[in-house]
N, C-alpha and C. Protein backbone atom coordinates (compact mmCIF):
# COMPACT_ATOMS: atom_id res chain seq x y z
N MET A 1 173.50 114.36 -10.83
CA MET A 1 172.24 114.70 -11.45
C MET A 1 171.81 113.53 -12.34
N ASN A 2 170.60 113.04 -12.14
CA ASN A 2 170.15 111.89 -12.91
C ASN A 2 169.62 112.32 -14.29
N THR A 3 169.33 111.35 -15.13
CA THR A 3 168.91 111.60 -16.50
C THR A 3 167.60 112.38 -16.57
N GLN A 4 166.68 112.04 -15.69
CA GLN A 4 165.37 112.71 -15.70
C GLN A 4 165.51 114.19 -15.37
N SER A 5 166.28 114.54 -14.37
CA SER A 5 166.42 115.95 -14.00
C SER A 5 167.20 116.71 -15.07
N LYS A 6 168.16 116.05 -15.75
CA LYS A 6 168.87 116.69 -16.86
C LYS A 6 167.92 117.00 -18.01
N ALA A 7 167.04 116.04 -18.32
CA ALA A 7 166.08 116.23 -19.40
C ALA A 7 165.12 117.36 -19.07
N LEU A 8 164.67 117.41 -17.83
CA LEU A 8 163.75 118.46 -17.41
C LEU A 8 164.42 119.83 -17.49
N LYS A 9 165.65 119.92 -17.05
CA LYS A 9 166.40 121.17 -17.11
C LYS A 9 166.60 121.62 -18.56
N ALA A 10 166.91 120.70 -19.43
CA ALA A 10 167.10 121.03 -20.85
C ALA A 10 165.78 121.49 -21.48
N HIS A 11 164.69 120.81 -21.11
CA HIS A 11 163.37 121.19 -21.64
C HIS A 11 163.00 122.60 -21.22
N ARG A 12 163.19 122.92 -19.94
CA ARG A 12 162.86 124.26 -19.45
C ARG A 12 163.76 125.32 -20.09
N LYS A 13 165.01 124.96 -20.35
CA LYS A 13 165.93 125.89 -21.01
C LYS A 13 165.46 126.19 -22.44
N ARG A 14 164.98 125.15 -23.15
CA ARG A 14 164.45 125.36 -24.51
C ARG A 14 163.21 126.24 -24.48
N LEU A 15 162.33 126.02 -23.50
CA LEU A 15 161.14 126.87 -23.37
C LEU A 15 161.54 128.31 -23.13
N HIS A 16 162.48 128.52 -22.22
CA HIS A 16 162.94 129.87 -21.89
C HIS A 16 163.53 130.57 -23.11
N SER A 17 164.31 129.82 -23.91
CA SER A 17 164.93 130.42 -25.10
C SER A 17 163.88 130.80 -26.14
N ARG A 18 162.71 130.14 -26.13
CA ARG A 18 161.62 130.49 -27.04
C ARG A 18 160.72 131.58 -26.47
N GLY A 19 161.04 132.05 -25.26
CA GLY A 19 160.24 133.11 -24.65
C GLY A 19 158.99 132.61 -23.96
N LEU A 20 158.97 131.33 -23.63
CA LEU A 20 157.80 130.73 -22.99
C LEU A 20 158.09 130.47 -21.52
N LYS A 21 157.02 130.40 -20.74
CA LYS A 21 157.15 130.12 -19.31
C LYS A 21 156.05 129.14 -18.92
N ARG A 22 156.40 128.17 -18.13
CA ARG A 22 155.44 127.17 -17.67
C ARG A 22 154.61 127.75 -16.54
N VAL A 23 153.29 127.55 -16.62
CA VAL A 23 152.38 128.05 -15.60
C VAL A 23 151.44 126.91 -15.22
N GLU A 24 151.23 126.77 -13.93
CA GLU A 24 150.30 125.74 -13.45
C GLU A 24 149.11 126.44 -12.82
N VAL A 25 147.91 126.03 -13.23
CA VAL A 25 146.69 126.61 -12.68
C VAL A 25 145.75 125.51 -12.24
N THR A 26 144.84 125.87 -11.35
CA THR A 26 143.82 124.94 -10.91
C THR A 26 142.47 125.52 -11.30
N VAL A 27 141.72 124.77 -12.10
CA VAL A 27 140.41 125.22 -12.57
C VAL A 27 139.42 124.07 -12.47
N ARG A 28 138.17 124.40 -12.62
CA ARG A 28 137.12 123.37 -12.63
C ARG A 28 137.30 122.48 -13.87
N ALA A 29 136.88 121.23 -13.75
CA ALA A 29 137.08 120.25 -14.82
C ALA A 29 136.44 120.69 -16.13
N GLU A 30 135.29 121.35 -16.06
CA GLU A 30 134.60 121.74 -17.30
C GLU A 30 135.32 122.86 -18.05
N HIS A 31 136.25 123.57 -17.37
CA HIS A 31 136.97 124.66 -18.01
C HIS A 31 138.31 124.23 -18.61
N VAL A 32 138.73 123.00 -18.35
CA VAL A 32 140.04 122.54 -18.81
C VAL A 32 140.19 122.61 -20.33
N PRO A 33 139.24 122.09 -21.12
CA PRO A 33 139.43 122.16 -22.59
C PRO A 33 139.53 123.61 -23.10
N LEU A 34 138.71 124.49 -22.55
CA LEU A 34 138.77 125.88 -22.97
C LEU A 34 140.11 126.50 -22.64
N LEU A 35 140.58 126.27 -21.42
CA LEU A 35 141.86 126.84 -21.00
C LEU A 35 143.01 126.28 -21.82
N ARG A 36 142.97 125.00 -22.13
CA ARG A 36 144.03 124.41 -22.96
C ARG A 36 144.02 125.01 -24.36
N ASP A 37 142.82 125.23 -24.90
CA ASP A 37 142.70 125.82 -26.24
C ASP A 37 143.25 127.24 -26.26
N VAL A 38 142.89 128.04 -25.26
CA VAL A 38 143.38 129.42 -25.17
C VAL A 38 144.90 129.41 -25.00
N ALA A 39 145.42 128.55 -24.14
CA ALA A 39 146.86 128.48 -23.93
C ALA A 39 147.59 128.08 -25.21
N ALA A 40 147.03 127.15 -25.96
CA ALA A 40 147.66 126.73 -27.21
C ALA A 40 147.72 127.87 -28.21
N LYS A 41 146.64 128.65 -28.28
CA LYS A 41 146.62 129.78 -29.21
C LYS A 41 147.59 130.87 -28.77
N LEU A 42 147.67 131.14 -27.48
CA LEU A 42 148.62 132.13 -26.98
C LEU A 42 150.06 131.67 -27.20
N ARG A 43 150.30 130.39 -27.02
CA ARG A 43 151.64 129.83 -27.16
C ARG A 43 152.10 129.86 -28.61
N ALA A 44 151.19 129.65 -29.54
CA ALA A 44 151.54 129.55 -30.96
C ALA A 44 151.53 130.90 -31.67
N SER A 45 151.37 131.99 -30.94
CA SER A 45 151.27 133.32 -31.55
C SER A 45 150.19 133.32 -32.64
N HIS A 46 149.06 132.78 -32.28
CA HIS A 46 147.92 132.69 -33.17
C HIS A 46 147.46 134.09 -33.58
N ALA A 47 146.78 134.19 -34.70
CA ALA A 47 146.34 135.49 -35.21
C ALA A 47 145.37 136.19 -34.26
N ASN A 48 144.69 135.45 -33.44
CA ASN A 48 143.68 136.03 -32.53
C ASN A 48 144.23 136.39 -31.16
N VAL A 49 145.54 136.39 -30.97
CA VAL A 49 146.13 136.64 -29.66
C VAL A 49 145.68 138.00 -29.12
N LYS A 50 145.72 139.03 -29.95
CA LYS A 50 145.33 140.37 -29.48
C LYS A 50 143.87 140.39 -29.04
N ARG A 51 143.01 139.72 -29.79
CA ARG A 51 141.58 139.67 -29.42
C ARG A 51 141.38 138.90 -28.12
N ILE A 52 142.10 137.80 -27.95
CA ILE A 52 141.97 137.00 -26.73
C ILE A 52 142.42 137.83 -25.53
N LYS A 53 143.58 138.48 -25.64
CA LYS A 53 144.09 139.28 -24.53
C LYS A 53 143.14 140.44 -24.21
N ALA A 54 142.61 141.10 -25.24
CA ALA A 54 141.68 142.22 -25.01
C ALA A 54 140.41 141.73 -24.33
N ALA A 55 139.90 140.58 -24.76
CA ALA A 55 138.67 140.04 -24.16
C ALA A 55 138.90 139.67 -22.70
N LEU A 56 140.05 139.08 -22.40
CA LEU A 56 140.34 138.71 -21.01
C LEU A 56 140.51 139.94 -20.13
N LYS A 57 141.18 140.97 -20.63
CA LYS A 57 141.35 142.20 -19.85
C LYS A 57 140.01 142.89 -19.63
N GLU A 58 139.16 142.90 -20.66
CA GLU A 58 137.84 143.52 -20.52
C GLU A 58 136.99 142.77 -19.51
N ALA A 59 137.05 141.45 -19.56
CA ALA A 59 136.28 140.64 -18.61
C ALA A 59 136.76 140.88 -17.19
N GLU A 60 138.06 141.09 -17.02
CA GLU A 60 138.61 141.36 -15.69
C GLU A 60 138.11 142.69 -15.15
N THR A 61 138.08 143.72 -15.98
CA THR A 61 137.64 145.03 -15.51
C THR A 61 136.13 145.07 -15.31
N ILE A 62 135.38 144.31 -16.07
CA ILE A 62 133.92 144.27 -15.89
C ILE A 62 133.59 143.60 -14.56
N GLY A 63 134.40 142.61 -14.16
CA GLY A 63 134.14 141.86 -12.95
C GLY A 63 134.27 142.68 -11.68
N ARG A 64 135.00 143.76 -11.74
CA ARG A 64 135.16 144.58 -10.54
C ARG A 64 134.86 146.02 -10.89
N GLY A 65 134.28 146.71 -9.96
CA GLY A 65 134.01 148.13 -10.16
C GLY A 65 135.24 148.95 -9.83
N LYS A 66 135.11 150.25 -9.97
CA LYS A 66 136.22 151.13 -9.64
C LYS A 66 136.44 151.13 -8.14
N SER A 67 137.71 151.18 -7.76
CA SER A 67 138.02 151.33 -6.35
C SER A 67 137.84 152.80 -6.00
N LEU A 68 137.84 153.10 -4.71
CA LEU A 68 137.69 154.49 -4.27
C LEU A 68 138.83 155.35 -4.80
N ALA A 69 140.04 154.81 -4.78
CA ALA A 69 141.20 155.57 -5.27
C ALA A 69 141.06 155.87 -6.76
N GLU A 70 140.61 154.88 -7.53
CA GLU A 70 140.41 155.11 -8.96
C GLU A 70 139.33 156.14 -9.21
N ALA A 71 138.28 156.10 -8.41
CA ALA A 71 137.20 157.07 -8.58
C ALA A 71 137.66 158.48 -8.24
N LEU A 72 138.45 158.62 -7.18
CA LEU A 72 138.92 159.95 -6.79
C LEU A 72 139.93 160.52 -7.77
N TYR A 73 140.71 159.65 -8.39
CA TYR A 73 141.70 160.14 -9.34
C TYR A 73 141.16 160.18 -10.77
N ASP A 74 139.89 160.01 -10.91
CA ASP A 74 139.24 160.15 -12.21
C ASP A 74 139.44 161.59 -12.69
N PRO A 75 139.88 161.81 -13.94
CA PRO A 75 140.13 163.17 -14.41
C PRO A 75 138.91 164.09 -14.30
N VAL A 76 137.73 163.53 -14.35
CA VAL A 76 136.53 164.36 -14.24
C VAL A 76 136.42 164.94 -12.83
N ILE A 77 136.78 164.15 -11.81
CA ILE A 77 136.67 164.60 -10.43
C ILE A 77 137.91 165.36 -9.99
N ALA A 78 139.08 164.95 -10.43
CA ALA A 78 140.33 165.55 -9.98
C ALA A 78 140.70 166.79 -10.78
N ALA A 79 139.74 167.59 -11.13
CA ALA A 79 140.00 168.82 -11.88
C ALA A 79 140.42 169.93 -10.91
N PRO A 80 141.09 170.97 -11.41
CA PRO A 80 141.58 172.05 -10.55
C PRO A 80 140.48 172.76 -9.77
N GLU A 81 139.28 172.80 -10.30
CA GLU A 81 138.21 173.50 -9.58
C GLU A 81 137.79 172.78 -8.30
N PHE A 82 138.21 171.53 -8.14
CA PHE A 82 137.87 170.79 -6.93
C PHE A 82 138.99 170.81 -5.89
N ASP A 83 140.10 171.49 -6.19
CA ASP A 83 141.23 171.54 -5.26
C ASP A 83 140.84 172.08 -3.89
N LYS A 84 140.01 173.13 -3.87
CA LYS A 84 139.59 173.71 -2.59
C LYS A 84 138.81 172.70 -1.76
N VAL A 85 137.97 171.92 -2.42
CA VAL A 85 137.16 170.92 -1.73
C VAL A 85 138.06 169.86 -1.11
N PHE A 86 139.02 169.36 -1.89
CA PHE A 86 139.92 168.33 -1.38
C PHE A 86 140.81 168.88 -0.26
N ASP A 87 141.22 170.13 -0.35
CA ASP A 87 142.00 170.75 0.73
C ASP A 87 141.17 170.84 2.01
N GLU A 88 139.91 171.20 1.88
CA GLU A 88 139.02 171.27 3.04
C GLU A 88 138.84 169.90 3.67
N ILE A 89 138.72 168.87 2.86
CA ILE A 89 138.59 167.51 3.38
C ILE A 89 139.85 167.12 4.15
N GLU A 90 141.02 167.44 3.60
CA GLU A 90 142.27 167.13 4.29
C GLU A 90 142.38 167.89 5.61
N ARG A 91 142.00 169.16 5.64
CA ARG A 91 142.05 169.93 6.88
C ARG A 91 141.10 169.34 7.92
N SER A 92 139.91 168.98 7.51
CA SER A 92 138.94 168.45 8.48
C SER A 92 139.37 167.08 9.01
N ARG A 93 140.11 166.31 8.21
CA ARG A 93 140.61 165.02 8.69
C ARG A 93 141.60 165.19 9.83
N ARG A 94 142.32 166.29 9.84
CA ARG A 94 143.31 166.52 10.89
C ARG A 94 142.76 167.34 12.05
N ASP A 95 141.55 167.82 11.95
CA ASP A 95 140.94 168.65 12.98
C ASP A 95 140.73 167.80 14.25
N PRO A 96 141.18 168.30 15.42
CA PRO A 96 141.04 167.53 16.66
C PRO A 96 139.58 167.16 16.97
N ALA A 97 138.66 168.01 16.61
CA ALA A 97 137.25 167.71 16.87
C ALA A 97 136.80 166.50 16.06
N MET A 98 137.36 166.34 14.87
CA MET A 98 136.97 165.21 14.03
C MET A 98 137.66 163.91 14.46
N LEU A 99 138.78 164.04 15.19
CA LEU A 99 139.53 162.86 15.62
C LEU A 99 139.02 162.26 16.92
N LYS A 100 138.11 162.96 17.61
CA LYS A 100 137.58 162.46 18.87
C LYS A 100 136.73 161.22 18.64
N MET A 101 136.85 160.30 19.58
CA MET A 101 136.01 159.11 19.54
C MET A 101 134.63 159.46 20.08
N ARG A 102 133.61 158.93 19.47
CA ARG A 102 132.26 159.21 19.92
C ARG A 102 131.60 157.95 20.45
N GLU A 103 130.77 158.12 21.44
CA GLU A 103 130.01 157.00 21.98
C GLU A 103 128.83 156.73 21.06
N ILE A 104 128.67 155.45 20.74
CA ILE A 104 127.58 155.06 19.86
C ILE A 104 126.85 153.89 20.48
N ASP A 105 125.53 153.98 20.56
CA ASP A 105 124.72 152.85 21.04
C ASP A 105 124.27 152.05 19.83
N LEU A 106 124.59 150.78 19.86
CA LEU A 106 124.19 149.90 18.75
C LEU A 106 123.05 149.03 19.13
């Protein structure tokens, strides 16, 4: 093992002991300073870490809508009074008449 690989191994071991992990990302050039600033604050346990994490999670959820599974398991929809409806849907999915292929002209 050469000196360079020993130094790299020791460096990664020190990072691991501090609870840090190296991450490599590819971003547009204009976003590099922002990403470095955010990473530095997250790495240093800055006072705003909770706000940064909350803002990033909120931005992630705003970017995508609810999936069908999330919508169906919404507590408002998945109430006991809808059990009969969901049972009927399950029965009709297995009904041979519903499983037949139909000819469609496009």
